[in-house]
């Protein structure tokens, strides 16, 4: 019997946290098949690096100079990646994160890596302008295959003329979700009030302020309703401070949770009013737990919910519509059991991590 070939795969990620949380299941799938995986990230928290090493991956730090002069900084990062690739000799490089994927694809091609797979896990509101259209196009042409998390981003790049016909592309539903790690949880009692939960970084583009405003409005009519939020602080320009989030007392801030499952299990409805996403992992976690989801009719988010079956879709940045959708569960709590079952079924049929990883293995030419 022919032994399967062991490949050397370098995963370039925007942070150790992103690699450890968003791609842990894929890394484990690769290692379980006898492949070697090196994660290349900027310096990060030790706990995330320990997670990567604990599942059998290697980790190295990418040199990331301060971005005071972007072009010089990017060139130094590319040179650092080229040196890492030539030293470790990966057969395959895969990358994600908008700026990261551009630098990784360019470096991998210069280092003569055999196969370059670029994962486009969401585009910002300005499309690709934040990294530069020409540089992004260069990175796409340097790739052997593209992976998208939603059809809207694929369609956008095609309409912009940035998707060459000779480069194959596939759509996978985000990271997928481990249905064993996130089992269906029974809905909690409603005796002490309906519990809404949002999990996100404290950033305006996640819809944090709309969630706060909707909670304040509903709290006046439904004083027993509970509105919880959990997530880390952010260093982005659109950050929202915990004090702003909790001002007025409508929203209870749980801080940053390493394990979100207990918070999901203690909630009745999950809310995620983001302005735009690739495919929000927290929504997949909520669906798997069996929680109806209220999210936005935007790229990535809209693909997660079957309208009025497993949840509700509202326009982004629309507090009125968000409050109405949330109040629909307060007025009709008997909808929750059916919504819970539909959410879990949606996760099983559409977002099973085993199916997602099988698709990625085929793209990597490892199936």
Protein backbone atom coordinates (compact mmCIF):
# COMPACT_ATOMS: atom_id res chain seq x y z
CA UNK A 1 0.00 0.00 0.00
CA UNK A 2 1.38 3.42 -1.00
CA UNK A 3 2.05 5.73 1.91
CA UNK A 4 0.47 9.20 1.59
CA UNK A 5 2.96 11.98 0.86
CA UNK A 6 3.74 14.22 3.83
CA UNK A 7 3.66 17.85 2.76
CA UNK A 8 5.14 20.91 4.42
CA UNK A 9 2.48 23.62 4.74
CA UNK A 10 3.07 27.19 5.89
CA UNK A 11 0.03 29.07 7.19
CA UNK A 12 0.53 32.85 7.22
CA UNK A 13 -2.00 34.57 9.48
CA UNK A 14 -2.57 38.16 10.65
CA UNK A 15 -2.14 37.10 14.29
CA UNK A 16 -1.40 34.07 16.43
CA UNK A 17 -4.91 34.42 17.83
CA UNK A 18 -6.45 34.23 14.35
CA UNK A 19 -4.44 31.12 13.51
CA UNK A 20 -5.22 29.41 16.82
CA UNK A 21 -8.93 30.19 16.88
CA UNK A 22 -10.02 30.47 13.26
CA UNK A 23 -7.87 27.74 11.73
CA UNK A 24 -7.28 25.32 14.59
CA UNK A 25 -9.58 22.67 13.12
CA UNK A 26 -7.87 22.85 9.73
CA UNK A 27 -4.41 22.65 11.29
CA UNK A 28 -5.46 19.60 13.30
CA UNK A 29 -6.91 17.98 10.16
CA UNK A 30 -3.64 18.54 8.29
CA UNK A 31 -1.46 17.21 11.11
CA UNK A 32 -3.69 14.16 11.61
CA UNK A 33 -2.96 13.26 7.97
CA UNK A 34 0.76 13.34 8.54
CA UNK A 35 1.51 16.80 7.15
CA UNK A 36 3.81 19.31 8.85
CA UNK A 37 2.41 22.77 9.55
CA UNK A 38 4.30 25.98 10.27
CA UNK A 39 2.30 29.00 11.44
CA UNK A 40 3.86 32.36 10.63
CA UNK A 41 2.37 35.32 12.51
CA UNK A 42 3.37 38.65 14.01
CA UNK A 43 4.32 38.51 17.70
CA UNK A 44 1.30 37.56 19.80
CA UNK A 45 0.02 36.37 23.14
CA UNK A 46 1.83 33.36 24.47
CA UNK A 47 -1.39 31.44 25.12
CA UNK A 48 -2.26 31.37 21.42
CA UNK A 49 1.22 30.27 20.44
CA UNK A 50 0.98 27.52 23.07
CA UNK A 51 -2.33 26.40 21.53
CA UNK A 52 -0.71 26.12 18.11
CA UNK A 53 2.25 24.17 19.45
CA UNK A 54 -0.05 22.05 21.61
CA UNK A 55 -1.88 20.74 18.54
CA UNK A 56 1.39 19.89 16.83
CA UNK A 57 2.08 22.94 14.68
CA UNK A 58 5.33 24.87 14.64
CA UNK A 59 5.32 28.63 15.08
CA UNK A 60 7.64 31.36 13.93
CA UNK A 61 7.35 35.13 14.22
CA UNK A 62 7.16 37.37 11.16
CA UNK A 63 9.13 40.58 11.47
CA UNK A 64 6.60 43.41 11.32
CA UNK A 65 8.21 46.86 11.57
CA UNK A 66 6.04 49.78 12.72
CA UNK A 67 3.78 50.84 9.83
CA UNK A 68 4.94 54.46 9.86
CA UNK A 69 6.08 54.04 6.27
CA UNK A 70 3.75 51.39 4.85
CA UNK A 71 5.69 50.59 1.68
CA UNK A 72 8.97 50.14 3.55
CA UNK A 73 7.24 48.15 6.29
CA UNK A 74 5.54 45.87 3.78
CA UNK A 75 8.74 45.30 1.85
CA UNK A 76 10.56 44.31 5.06
CA UNK A 77 7.74 41.89 5.90
CA UNK A 78 7.91 40.35 2.42
CA UNK A 79 11.68 39.89 2.77
CA UNK A 80 11.16 38.30 6.19
CA UNK A 81 8.63 35.88 4.71
CA UNK A 82 10.88 35.02 1.78
CA UNK A 83 13.69 34.19 4.21
CA UNK A 84 11.33 32.02 6.29
CA UNK A 85 10.06 30.18 3.21
CA UNK A 86 13.55 29.53 1.86
CA UNK A 87 14.68 28.28 5.27
CA UNK A 88 11.71 26.00 6.05
CA UNK A 89 11.02 24.99 2.43
CA UNK A 90 7.20 24.65 2.46
CA UNK A 91 5.53 22.87 -0.47
CA UNK A 92 2.34 24.87 0.09
CA UNK A 93 1.67 28.34 1.46
CA UNK A 94 -1.82 29.42 2.47
CA UNK A 95 -2.70 32.77 3.96
CA UNK A 96 -5.59 34.92 5.09
CA UNK A 97 -6.21 38.45 6.33
CA UNK A 98 -6.32 41.14 3.65
CA UNK A 99 -2.89 42.73 4.11
CA UNK A 100 -1.32 39.43 5.18
CA UNK A 101 -2.48 37.50 2.12
CA UNK A 102 -1.10 40.14 -0.23
CA UNK A 103 2.37 40.00 1.33
CA UNK A 104 2.35 36.21 1.73
CA UNK A 105 1.35 35.48 -1.87
CA UNK A 106 3.99 37.83 -3.25
CA UNK A 107 6.67 36.37 -0.97
CA UNK A 108 5.70 32.75 -1.71
CA UNK A 109 5.95 33.29 -5.45
CA UNK A 110 9.36 34.96 -5.10
CA UNK A 111 10.50 32.00 -2.97
CA UNK A 112 9.34 29.52 -5.66
CA UNK A 113 6.83 27.77 -3.40
CA UNK A 114 5.09 25.03 -5.37
CA UNK A 115 1.48 25.93 -4.50
CA UNK A 116 0.06 29.20 -3.18
CA UNK A 117 -3.50 29.23 -1.81
CA UNK A 118 -5.01 32.58 -0.84
CA UNK A 119 -8.01 32.66 1.50
CA UNK A 120 -10.08 35.83 1.15
CA UNK A 121 -12.00 35.79 4.41
CA UNK A 122 -13.83 39.08 3.93
CA UNK A 123 -13.33 42.42 2.23
CA UNK A 124 -13.59 45.80 3.98
CA UNK A 125 -16.13 48.42 2.96
CA UNK A 126 -13.61 50.04 0.60
CA UNK A 127 -13.08 46.79 -1.28
CA UNK A 128 -9.32 46.44 -1.77
CA UNK A 129 -8.34 50.11 -1.75
CA UNK A 130 -6.84 49.89 1.74
CA UNK A 131 -4.10 47.57 0.45
CA UNK A 132 -3.90 49.01 -3.06
CA UNK A 133 -5.64 47.67 -6.14
CA UNK A 134 -2.45 46.93 -8.09
CA UNK A 135 -0.78 45.14 -5.19
CA UNK A 136 -3.90 43.10 -4.53
CA UNK A 137 -4.12 42.15 -8.23
CA UNK A 138 -0.45 41.13 -8.13
CA UNK A 139 -1.12 38.86 -5.13
CA UNK A 140 -4.10 37.25 -6.84
CA UNK A 141 -2.04 36.52 -9.95
CA UNK A 142 0.66 35.00 -7.73
CA UNK A 143 -1.88 32.52 -6.33
CA UNK A 144 -2.66 29.04 -7.65
CA UNK A 145 -6.12 28.95 -6.05
CA UNK A 146 -8.46 31.28 -4.18
CA UNK A 147 -10.82 30.52 -1.31
CA UNK A 148 -13.75 32.82 -0.53
CA UNK A 149 -16.00 32.80 2.51
CA UNK A 150 -19.04 34.21 0.73
CA UNK A 151 -20.28 34.60 -2.84
CA UNK A 152 -20.59 38.40 -2.59
CA UNK A 153 -16.82 38.91 -2.23
CA UNK A 154 -16.18 36.56 -5.14
CA UNK A 155 -18.71 38.42 -7.28
CA UNK A 156 -17.27 41.81 -6.31
CA UNK A 157 -13.73 40.89 -7.34
CA UNK A 158 -15.02 39.40 -10.57
CA UNK A 159 -16.93 42.60 -11.40
CA UNK A 160 -13.80 44.64 -10.60
CA UNK A 161 -11.79 42.59 -13.06
CA UNK A 162 -9.59 41.23 -10.27
CA UNK A 163 -10.48 37.56 -10.63
CA UNK A 164 -8.50 35.96 -13.49
CA UNK A 165 -10.37 33.20 -15.31
CA UNK A 166 -7.37 30.86 -15.15
CA UNK A 167 -7.16 30.85 -11.33
CA UNK A 168 -9.68 28.45 -9.75
CA UNK A 169 -11.73 29.73 -6.84
CA UNK A 170 -14.08 28.05 -4.40
CA UNK A 171 -16.49 29.26 -1.72
CA UNK A 172 -16.47 27.67 1.72
CA UNK A 173 -18.66 28.84 4.60
CA UNK A 174 -16.01 30.47 6.74
CA UNK A 175 -14.10 28.33 9.19
CA UNK A 176 -17.01 25.97 9.70
CA UNK A 177 -17.92 24.90 13.19
CA UNK A 178 -17.07 21.85 15.28
CA UNK A 179 -20.50 20.42 16.09
CA UNK A 180 -19.03 18.28 18.89
CA UNK A 181 -17.28 21.18 20.60
CA UNK A 182 -20.48 23.24 20.20
CA UNK A 183 -23.35 20.84 20.91
CA UNK A 184 -26.98 21.94 20.92
CA UNK A 185 -27.89 23.35 24.35
CA UNK A 186 -31.43 23.38 25.77
CA UNK A 187 -32.97 26.81 25.91
CA UNK A 188 -32.72 28.30 29.40
CA UNK A 189 -35.77 29.14 31.48
CA UNK A 190 -37.54 32.39 30.67
CA UNK A 191 -38.59 32.96 34.28
CA UNK A 192 -36.04 35.73 34.83
CA UNK A 193 -36.42 37.31 31.41
CA UNK A 194 -35.30 36.72 27.85
CA UNK A 195 -31.52 36.89 27.37
CA UNK A 196 -29.95 38.43 24.27
CA UNK A 197 -26.22 38.02 23.63
CA UNK A 198 -23.70 39.61 21.29
CA UNK A 199 -20.09 38.41 20.90
CA UNK A 200 -17.68 40.67 19.03
CA UNK A 201 -14.67 42.91 19.23
CA UNK A 202 -15.56 46.33 20.60
CA UNK A 203 -15.70 48.05 17.21
CA UNK A 204 -18.33 50.24 15.59
CA UNK A 205 -18.34 48.22 12.36
CA UNK A 206 -19.54 45.19 14.32
CA UNK A 207 -22.75 47.03 15.13
CA UNK A 208 -21.90 47.47 18.81
CA UNK A 209 -23.57 50.88 19.12
CA UNK A 210 -26.73 49.72 17.32
CA UNK A 211 -26.97 46.81 19.75
CA UNK A 212 -26.58 49.19 22.70
CA UNK A 213 -29.19 51.60 21.32
CA UNK A 214 -31.69 48.80 20.64
CA UNK A 215 -31.13 47.43 24.15
CA UNK A 216 -31.74 50.84 25.72
CA UNK A 217 -34.96 51.25 23.77
CA UNK A 218 -36.29 47.79 24.59
CA UNK A 219 -35.33 47.96 28.25
CA UNK A 220 -37.90 50.71 28.77
CA UNK A 221 -40.78 48.50 27.63
CA UNK A 222 -39.34 45.13 28.65
CA UNK A 223 -37.48 45.79 31.93
CA UNK A 224 -36.95 42.06 32.56
CA UNK A 225 -35.10 41.53 29.29
CA UNK A 226 -31.36 40.97 29.62
CA UNK A 227 -28.82 42.24 27.08
CA UNK A 228 -25.30 40.83 27.35
CA UNK A 229 -22.14 41.55 25.40
CA UNK A 230 -18.78 39.78 25.48
CA UNK A 231 -15.63 40.45 23.51
CA UNK A 232 -12.16 41.93 23.64
CA UNK A 233 -11.13 45.54 23.33
CA UNK A 234 -9.84 46.73 19.98
CA UNK A 235 -6.93 48.83 18.82
CA UNK A 236 -8.73 49.84 15.63
CA UNK A 237 -9.74 53.47 14.96
CA UNK A 238 -13.44 52.57 15.33
CA UNK A 239 -13.03 51.08 18.81
CA UNK A 240 -15.82 51.39 21.38
CA UNK A 241 -14.83 51.54 25.03
CA UNK A 242 -16.54 49.29 27.60
CA UNK A 243 -17.70 52.45 29.42
CA UNK A 244 -19.52 53.67 26.31
CA UNK A 245 -21.09 50.23 25.79
CA UNK A 246 -22.43 49.99 29.33
CA UNK A 247 -23.41 53.65 29.73
CA UNK A 248 -27.07 53.81 30.74
CA UNK A 249 -27.06 50.33 32.24
CA UNK A 250 -28.96 48.48 29.51
CA UNK A 251 -26.04 46.28 28.41
CA UNK A 252 -24.16 43.93 30.70
CA UNK A 253 -20.51 43.58 29.64
CA UNK A 254 -19.02 40.14 30.32
CA UNK A 255 -15.50 41.04 29.24
CA UNK A 256 -13.41 38.82 26.99
CA UNK A 257 -14.33 35.13 27.23
CA UNK A 258 -11.87 32.39 26.32
CA UNK A 259 -14.81 29.97 26.22
CA UNK A 260 -18.01 31.46 24.76
CA UNK A 261 -20.13 28.31 24.92
CA UNK A 262 -21.50 28.86 28.48
CA UNK A 263 -22.60 32.39 27.53
CA UNK A 264 -24.32 31.08 24.39
CA UNK A 265 -26.01 28.30 26.34
CA UNK A 266 -27.32 30.85 28.85
CA UNK A 267 -28.85 33.03 26.10
CA UNK A 268 -32.11 32.75 24.17
CA UNK A 269 -31.26 34.85 21.09
CA UNK A 270 -27.94 35.74 19.49
CA UNK A 271 -27.51 39.21 17.95
CA UNK A 272 -24.78 40.22 15.50
CA UNK A 273 -25.57 43.46 13.61
CA UNK A 274 -22.23 43.76 11.78
CA UNK A 275 -21.79 46.08 8.80
CA UNK A 276 -19.87 43.49 6.73
CA UNK A 277 -18.10 40.16 7.29
CA UNK A 278 -16.45 37.29 5.49
CA UNK A 279 -18.38 34.70 7.48
CA UNK A 280 -18.77 35.50 11.20
CA UNK A 281 -17.56 32.60 13.31
CA UNK A 282 -19.54 33.70 16.36
CA UNK A 283 -22.77 33.34 14.38
CA UNK A 284 -21.79 29.78 13.44
CA UNK A 285 -21.12 29.04 17.11
CA UNK A 286 -24.56 30.41 18.02
CA UNK A 287 -26.29 28.36 15.33
CA UNK A 288 -24.53 25.18 16.45
CA UNK A 289 -25.58 25.86 20.04
CA UNK A 290 -29.16 26.12 18.80
CA UNK A 291 -29.75 29.84 19.15
CA UNK A 292 -31.88 31.88 16.74
CA UNK A 293 -29.74 34.61 15.20
CA UNK A 294 -30.50 38.23 14.37
CA UNK A 295 -27.91 39.57 11.96
CA UNK A 296 -27.62 41.90 9.01
CA UNK A 297 -28.49 41.59 5.35
CA UNK A 298 -24.85 42.08 4.32
CA UNK A 299 -22.00 40.10 2.78
CA UNK A 300 -21.23 37.02 4.83
CA UNK A 301 -23.88 37.61 7.49
CA UNK A 302 -26.91 37.11 5.25
CA UNK A 303 -25.71 33.62 4.25
CA UNK A 304 -25.97 32.37 7.83
CA UNK A 305 -29.69 32.80 8.49
CA UNK A 306 -32.87 31.49 6.89
CA UNK A 307 -35.25 34.44 7.30
CA UNK A 308 -37.99 33.83 9.92
CA UNK A 309 -36.83 30.20 10.29
CA UNK A 310 -33.49 30.23 12.09
CA UNK A 311 -33.53 33.97 12.78
CA UNK A 312 -34.02 37.44 11.31
CA UNK A 313 -32.11 39.66 8.89
CA UNK A 314 -32.07 43.44 9.24
CA UNK A 315 -30.32 46.25 7.34
CA UNK A 316 -26.92 47.27 8.73
CA UNK A 317 -26.68 50.40 10.88
CA UNK A 318 -30.45 50.39 11.41
CA UNK A 319 -31.29 50.56 15.10
CA UNK A 320 -35.05 50.70 14.45
CA UNK A 321 -35.07 47.49 12.42
CA UNK A 322 -32.78 45.77 14.92
CA UNK A 323 -35.01 46.70 17.86
CA UNK A 324 -38.11 45.48 16.01
CA UNK A 325 -36.45 42.12 15.26
CA UNK A 326 -35.32 41.70 18.86
CA UNK A 327 -38.75 42.67 20.17
CA UNK A 328 -40.38 40.02 17.96
CA UNK A 329 -38.90 37.38 20.28
CA UNK A 330 -39.99 39.28 23.38
CA UNK A 331 -43.54 39.45 22.06
CA UNK A 332 -43.55 35.87 20.77
CA UNK A 333 -41.25 33.75 22.95
CA UNK A 334 -43.04 30.62 21.76
CA UNK A 335 -41.07 31.04 18.51
CA UNK A 336 -37.85 30.19 20.31
CA UNK A 337 -38.02 26.34 20.35
CA UNK A 338 -38.63 26.09 16.60
CA UNK A 339 -35.97 28.70 15.91
CA UNK A 340 -33.53 26.81 18.11
CA UNK A 341 -34.07 23.55 16.22
CA UNK A 342 -33.78 25.30 12.86
CA UNK A 343 -30.54 27.00 13.91
CA UNK A 344 -28.90 23.71 14.91
CA UNK A 345 -30.10 22.05 11.70
CA UNK A 346 -28.66 24.95 9.66
CA UNK A 347 -25.28 24.44 11.34
CA UNK A 348 -25.37 20.71 10.67
CA UNK A 349 -26.32 21.02 7.02
CA UNK A 350 -24.28 24.05 6.01
CA UNK A 351 -21.43 24.74 8.42
CA UNK A 352 -20.03 21.40 9.60
CA UNK A 353 -16.28 21.94 9.98
CA UNK A 354 -15.56 18.47 8.56
CA UNK A 355 -17.19 19.47 5.27
CA UNK A 356 -15.34 22.80 5.21
CA UNK A 357 -11.98 21.16 5.87
CA UNK A 358 -12.62 18.50 3.23
CA UNK A 359 -13.17 21.30 0.69
CA UNK A 360 -9.98 23.07 1.80
CA UNK A 361 -7.95 19.87 1.54
CA UNK A 362 -9.09 19.54 -2.06
CA UNK A 363 -8.02 23.14 -2.78
CA UNK A 364 -4.65 22.42 -1.20
CA UNK A 365 -4.35 19.32 -3.43
CA UNK A 366 -4.19 17.12 -0.35
CA UNK A 367 -7.46 15.17 -0.68
